[in-house]
Amino acid sequence: MEKATMSVQELASQLGISLPKAYELVKRPGFPVLKIGTRILIPMDAFKAWLISNASHE
């Protein structure tokens, strides 16, 4: 079974960006996050949809 969410650390690793950049990204308006207490989780399906809709098609 595939995970439903990923952490900010996993996001950074998946995108190949630094952890501070990943935290910048999750604070952007419109970026899909779940906040549970102080924990920030990214729903996988919503992230994939966000990634597709924000990809540049030049």
PDB file of N, CA and C in Angstrom:
ATOM      1  N   MET A   1       0.840  -1.190   0.000  1.00  0.00           N
ATOM      2  CA  MET A   1       0.000   0.000   0.000  1.00  0.00           C
ATOM      3  C   MET A   1       0.882   1.250   0.000  1.00  0.00           C
ATOM      4  N   GLU A   2       0.562   2.170  -0.879  1.00  0.00           N
ATOM      5  CA  GLU A   2       1.317   3.420  -0.979  1.00  0.00           C
ATOM      6  C   GLU A   2       0.948   4.353   0.171  1.00  0.00           C
ATOM      7  N   LYS A   3       1.965   5.097   0.648  1.00  0.00           N
ATOM      8  CA  LYS A   3       1.714   6.057   1.723  1.00  0.00           C
ATOM      9  C   LYS A   3       0.762   7.155   1.245  1.00  0.00           C
ATOM     10  N   ALA A   4      -0.083   7.639   2.140  1.00  0.00           N
ATOM     11  CA  ALA A   4      -1.038   8.697   1.796  1.00  0.00           C
ATOM     12  C   ALA A   4      -0.430  10.086   1.945  1.00  0.00           C
ATOM     13  N   THR A   5       0.598  10.204   2.787  1.00  0.00           N
ATOM     14  CA  THR A   5       1.228  11.505   3.033  1.00  0.00           C
ATOM     15  C   THR A   5       2.744  11.355   3.061  1.00  0.00           C
ATOM     16  N   MET A   6       3.424  12.496   2.972  1.00  0.00           N
ATOM     17  CA  MET A   6       4.880  12.510   3.160  1.00  0.00           C
ATOM     18  C   MET A   6       5.243  13.700   4.035  1.00  0.00           C
ATOM     19  N   SER A   7       6.395  13.606   4.660  1.00  0.00           N
ATOM     20  CA  SER A   7       6.886  14.682   5.519  1.00  0.00           C
ATOM     21  C   SER A   7       7.594  15.738   4.668  1.00  0.00           C
ATOM     22  N   VAL A   8       7.926  16.845   5.288  1.00  0.00           N
ATOM     23  CA  VAL A   8       8.658  17.902   4.587  1.00  0.00           C
ATOM     24  C   VAL A   8      10.047  17.388   4.196  1.00  0.00           C
ATOM     25  N   GLN A   9      10.654  16.571   5.055  1.00  0.00           N
ATOM     26  CA  GLN A   9      11.960  15.991   4.746  1.00  0.00           C
ATOM     27  C   GLN A   9      11.860  15.087   3.513  1.00  0.00           C
ATOM     28  N   GLU A  10      10.808  14.284   3.431  1.00  0.00           N
ATOM     29  CA  GLU A  10      10.609  13.413   2.267  1.00  0.00           C
ATOM     30  C   GLU A  10      10.347  14.235   1.010  1.00  0.00           C
ATOM     31  N   LEU A  11       9.622  15.336   1.151  1.00  0.00           N
ATOM     32  CA  LEU A  11       9.366  16.237   0.025  1.00  0.00           C
ATOM     33  C   LEU A  11      10.682  16.780  -0.524  1.00  0.00           C
ATOM     34  N   ALA A  12      11.553  17.234   0.375  1.00  0.00           N
ATOM     35  CA  ALA A  12      12.851  17.771  -0.039  1.00  0.00           C
ATOM     36  C   ALA A  12      13.646  16.714  -0.800  1.00  0.00           C
ATOM     37  N   SER A  13      13.656  15.509  -0.288  1.00  0.00           N
ATOM     38  CA  SER A  13      14.381  14.422  -0.929  1.00  0.00           C
ATOM     39  C   SER A  13      13.776  14.085  -2.293  1.00  0.00           C
ATOM     40  N   GLN A  14      12.451  14.013  -2.358  1.00  0.00           N
ATOM     41  CA  GLN A  14      11.751  13.667  -3.605  1.00  0.00           C
ATOM     42  C   GLN A  14      12.019  14.704  -4.699  1.00  0.00           C
ATOM     43  N   LEU A  15      12.052  15.981  -4.328  1.00  0.00           N
ATOM     44  CA  LEU A  15      12.256  17.040  -5.312  1.00  0.00           C
ATOM     45  C   LEU A  15      13.732  17.377  -5.528  1.00  0.00           C
ATOM     46  N   GLY A  16      14.598  16.853  -4.675  1.00  0.00           N
ATOM     47  CA  GLY A  16      16.023  17.150  -4.803  1.00  0.00           C
ATOM     48  C   GLY A  16      16.354  18.581  -4.422  1.00  0.00           C
ATOM     49  N   ILE A  17      15.657  19.088  -3.393  1.00  0.00           N
ATOM     50  CA  ILE A  17      15.891  20.460  -2.921  1.00  0.00           C
ATOM     51  C   ILE A  17      16.307  20.415  -1.451  1.00  0.00           C
ATOM     52  N   SER A  18      16.817  21.527  -0.953  1.00  0.00           N
ATOM     53  CA  SER A  18      17.237  21.583   0.449  1.00  0.00           C
ATOM     54  C   SER A  18      16.012  21.624   1.366  1.00  0.00           C
ATOM     55  N   LEU A  19      16.224  21.260   2.611  1.00  0.00           N
ATOM     56  CA  LEU A  19      15.136  21.285   3.589  1.00  0.00           C
ATOM     57  C   LEU A  19      14.576  22.699   3.789  1.00  0.00           C
ATOM     58  N   PRO A  20      15.439  23.746   3.900  1.00  0.00           N
ATOM     59  CA  PRO A  20      14.877  25.104   4.019  1.00  0.00           C
ATOM     60  C   PRO A  20      14.005  25.491   2.818  1.00  0.00           C
ATOM     61  N   LYS A  21      14.403  25.078   1.596  1.00  0.00           N
ATOM     62  CA  LYS A  21      13.586  25.369   0.405  1.00  0.00           C
ATOM     63  C   LYS A  21      12.262  24.620   0.466  1.00  0.00           C
ATOM     64  N   ALA A  22      12.283  23.390   0.982  1.00  0.00           N
ATOM     65  CA  ALA A  22      11.055  22.609   1.114  1.00  0.00           C
ATOM     66  C   ALA A  22      10.095  23.302   2.091  1.00  0.00           C
ATOM     67  N   TYR A  23      10.627  23.841   3.190  1.00  0.00           N
ATOM     68  CA  TYR A  23       9.776  24.571   4.143  1.00  0.00           C
ATOM     69  C   TYR A  23       9.217  25.847   3.508  1.00  0.00           C
ATOM     70  N   GLU A  24      10.012  26.515   2.672  1.00  0.00           N
ATOM     71  CA  GLU A  24       9.502  27.680   1.932  1.00  0.00           C
ATOM     72  C   GLU A  24       8.317  27.270   1.052  1.00  0.00           C
ATOM     73  N   LEU A  25       8.475  26.145   0.374  1.00  0.00           N
ATOM     74  CA  LEU A  25       7.446  25.655  -0.531  1.00  0.00           C
ATOM     75  C   LEU A  25       6.147  25.331   0.196  1.00  0.00           C
ATOM     76  N   VAL A  26       6.223  24.656   1.335  1.00  0.00           N
ATOM     77  CA  VAL A  26       4.993  24.276   2.043  1.00  0.00           C
ATOM     78  C   VAL A  26       4.283  25.484   2.656  1.00  0.00           C
ATOM     79  N   LYS A  27       4.973  26.611   2.773  1.00  0.00           N
ATOM     80  CA  LYS A  27       4.342  27.829   3.303  1.00  0.00           C
ATOM     81  C   LYS A  27       3.698  28.668   2.209  1.00  0.00           C
ATOM     82  N   ARG A  28       3.901  28.283   0.942  1.00  0.00           N
ATOM     83  CA  ARG A  28       3.301  29.024  -0.168  1.00  0.00           C
ATOM     84  C   ARG A  28       1.792  28.851  -0.186  1.00  0.00           C
ATOM     85  N   PRO A  29       1.060  29.928  -0.475  1.00  0.00           N
ATOM     86  CA  PRO A  29      -0.400  29.797  -0.617  1.00  0.00           C
ATOM     87  C   PRO A  29      -0.727  28.840  -1.765  1.00  0.00           C
ATOM     88  N   GLY A  30      -1.666  27.951  -1.522  1.00  0.00           N
ATOM     89  CA  GLY A  30      -2.082  27.023  -2.553  1.00  0.00           C
ATOM     90  C   GLY A  30      -1.347  25.693  -2.544  1.00  0.00           C
ATOM     91  N   PHE A  31      -0.245  25.594  -1.774  1.00  0.00           N
ATOM     92  CA  PHE A  31       0.460  24.316  -1.693  1.00  0.00           C
ATOM     93  C   PHE A  31      -0.293  23.411  -0.726  1.00  0.00           C
ATOM     94  N   PRO A  32      -0.560  22.153  -1.120  1.00  0.00           N
ATOM     95  CA  PRO A  32      -1.383  21.264  -0.282  1.00  0.00           C
ATOM     96  C   PRO A  32      -0.642  20.736   0.947  1.00  0.00           C
ATOM     97  N   VAL A  33      -1.119  21.116   2.121  1.00  0.00           N
ATOM     98  CA  VAL A  33      -0.534  20.620   3.369  1.00  0.00           C
ATOM     99  C   VAL A  33      -1.635  20.255   4.363  1.00  0.00           C
ATOM    100  N   LEU A  34      -1.292  19.333   5.232  1.00  0.00           N
ATOM    101  CA  LEU A  34      -2.125  19.005   6.388  1.00  0.00           C
ATOM    102  C   LEU A  34      -1.298  19.377   7.607  1.00  0.00           C
ATOM    103  N   LYS A  35      -1.872  20.167   8.500  1.00  0.00           N
ATOM    104  CA  LYS A  35      -1.158  20.500   9.729  1.00  0.00           C
ATOM    105  C   LYS A  35      -1.838  19.753  10.867  1.00  0.00           C
ATOM    106  N   ILE A  36      -1.070  18.905  11.521  1.00  0.00           N
ATOM    107  CA  ILE A  36      -1.571  18.132  12.654  1.00  0.00           C
ATOM    108  C   ILE A  36      -0.700  18.516  13.837  1.00  0.00           C
ATOM    109  N   GLY A  37      -1.243  19.391  14.678  1.00  0.00           N
ATOM    110  CA  GLY A  37      -0.428  19.958  15.747  1.00  0.00           C
ATOM    111  C   GLY A  37       0.663  20.795  15.111  1.00  0.00           C
ATOM    112  N   THR A  38       1.903  20.476  15.432  1.00  0.00           N
ATOM    113  CA  THR A  38       3.025  21.208  14.835  1.00  0.00           C
ATOM    114  C   THR A  38       3.588  20.470  13.618  1.00  0.00           C
ATOM    115  N   ARG A  39       3.044  19.314  13.341  1.00  0.00           N
ATOM    116  CA  ARG A  39       3.541  18.491  12.227  1.00  0.00           C
ATOM    117  C   ARG A  39       2.929  18.940  10.901  1.00  0.00           C
ATOM    118  N   ILE A  40       3.754  18.999   9.874  1.00  0.00           N
ATOM    119  CA  ILE A  40       3.301  19.353   8.527  1.00  0.00           C
ATOM    120  C   ILE A  40       3.423  18.112   7.656  1.00  0.00           C
ATOM    121  N   LEU A  41       2.309  17.687   7.066  1.00  0.00           N
ATOM    122  CA  LEU A  41       2.296  16.542   6.167  1.00  0.00           C
ATOM    123  C   LEU A  41       1.757  16.977   4.818  1.00  0.00           C
ATOM    124  N   ILE A  42       2.233  16.339   3.768  1.00  0.00           N
ATOM    125  CA  ILE A  42       1.789  16.663   2.412  1.00  0.00           C
ATOM    126  C   ILE A  42       1.039  15.463   1.860  1.00  0.00           C
ATOM    127  N   PRO A  43      -0.254  15.616   1.533  1.00  0.00           N
ATOM    128  CA  PRO A  43      -0.999  14.504   0.943  1.00  0.00           C
ATOM    129  C   PRO A  43      -0.435  14.182  -0.444  1.00  0.00           C
ATOM    130  N   MET A  44      -0.116  12.919  -0.680  1.00  0.00           N
ATOM    131  CA  MET A  44       0.538  12.501  -1.924  1.00  0.00           C
ATOM    132  C   MET A  44      -0.297  12.841  -3.160  1.00  0.00           C
ATOM    133  N   ASP A  45      -1.579  12.503  -3.156  1.00  0.00           N
ATOM    134  CA  ASP A  45      -2.420  12.750  -4.339  1.00  0.00           C
ATOM    135  C   ASP A  45      -2.546  14.238  -4.642  1.00  0.00           C
ATOM    136  N   ALA A  46      -2.741  15.046  -3.601  1.00  0.00           N
ATOM    137  CA  ALA A  46      -2.859  16.494  -3.792  1.00  0.00           C
ATOM    138  C   ALA A  46      -1.533  17.078  -4.265  1.00  0.00           C
ATOM    139  N   PHE A  47      -0.407  16.543  -3.764  1.00  0.00           N
ATOM    140  CA  PHE A  47       0.906  17.009  -4.198  1.00  0.00           C
ATOM    141  C   PHE A  47       1.120  16.713  -5.677  1.00  0.00           C
ATOM    142  N   LYS A  48       0.783  15.491  -6.102  1.00  0.00           N
ATOM    143  CA  LYS A  48       0.946  15.117  -7.515  1.00  0.00           C
ATOM    144  C   LYS A  48       0.116  16.029  -8.417  1.00  0.00           C
ATOM    145  N   ALA A  49      -1.120  16.327  -8.006  1.00  0.00           N
ATOM    146  CA  ALA A  49      -1.979  17.228  -8.781  1.00  0.00           C
ATOM    147  C   ALA A  49      -1.390  18.634  -8.808  1.00  0.00           C
ATOM    148  N   TRP A  50      -0.868  19.107  -7.667  1.00  0.00           N
ATOM    149  CA  TRP A  50      -0.251  20.437  -7.593  1.00  0.00           C
ATOM    150  C   TRP A  50       0.964  20.502  -8.505  1.00  0.00           C
ATOM    151  N   LEU A  51       1.773  19.445  -8.493  1.00  0.00           N
ATOM    152  CA  LEU A  51       2.980  19.402  -9.301  1.00  0.00           C
ATOM    153  C   LEU A  51       2.651  19.503 -10.787  1.00  0.00           C
ATOM    154  N   ILE A  52       1.659  18.756 -11.225  1.00  0.00           N
ATOM    155  CA  ILE A  52       1.235  18.787 -12.636  1.00  0.00           C
ATOM    156  C   ILE A  52       0.688  20.165 -13.017  1.00  0.00           C
ATOM    157  N   SER A  53      -0.144  20.726 -12.144  1.00  0.00           N
ATOM    158  CA  SER A  53      -0.767  22.010 -12.483  1.00  0.00           C
ATOM    159  C   SER A  53       0.210  23.178 -12.415  1.00  0.00           C
ATOM    160  N   ASN A  54       1.334  23.006 -11.709  1.00  0.00           N
ATOM    161  CA  ASN A  54       2.314  24.085 -11.593  1.00  0.00           C
ATOM    162  C   ASN A  54       3.552  23.879 -12.455  1.00  0.00           C
ATOM    163  N   ALA A  55       3.568  22.817 -13.217  1.00  0.00           N
ATOM    164  CA  ALA A  55       4.696  22.570 -14.122  1.00  0.00           C
ATOM    165  C   ALA A  55       4.645  23.548 -15.282  1.00  0.00           C
ATOM    166  N   SER A  56       5.789  24.022 -15.680  1.00  0.00           N
ATOM    167  CA  SER A  56       5.869  24.943 -16.815  1.00  0.00           C
ATOM    168  C   SER A  56       5.814  24.147 -18.102  1.00  0.00           C
ATOM    169  N   HIS A  57       4.958  24.569 -19.013  1.00  0.00           N
ATOM    170  CA  HIS A  57       4.823  23.906 -20.312  1.00  0.00           C
ATOM    171  C   HIS A  57       5.277  24.860 -21.398  1.00  0.00           C
ATOM    172  N   GLU A  58       6.572  25.006 -21.538  1.00  0.00           N
ATOM    173  CA  GLU A  58       7.130  25.941 -22.510  1.00  0.00           C
ATOM    174  C   GLU A  58       7.314  25.287 -23.838  1.00  0.00           C
TER     175      GLU A  58
END
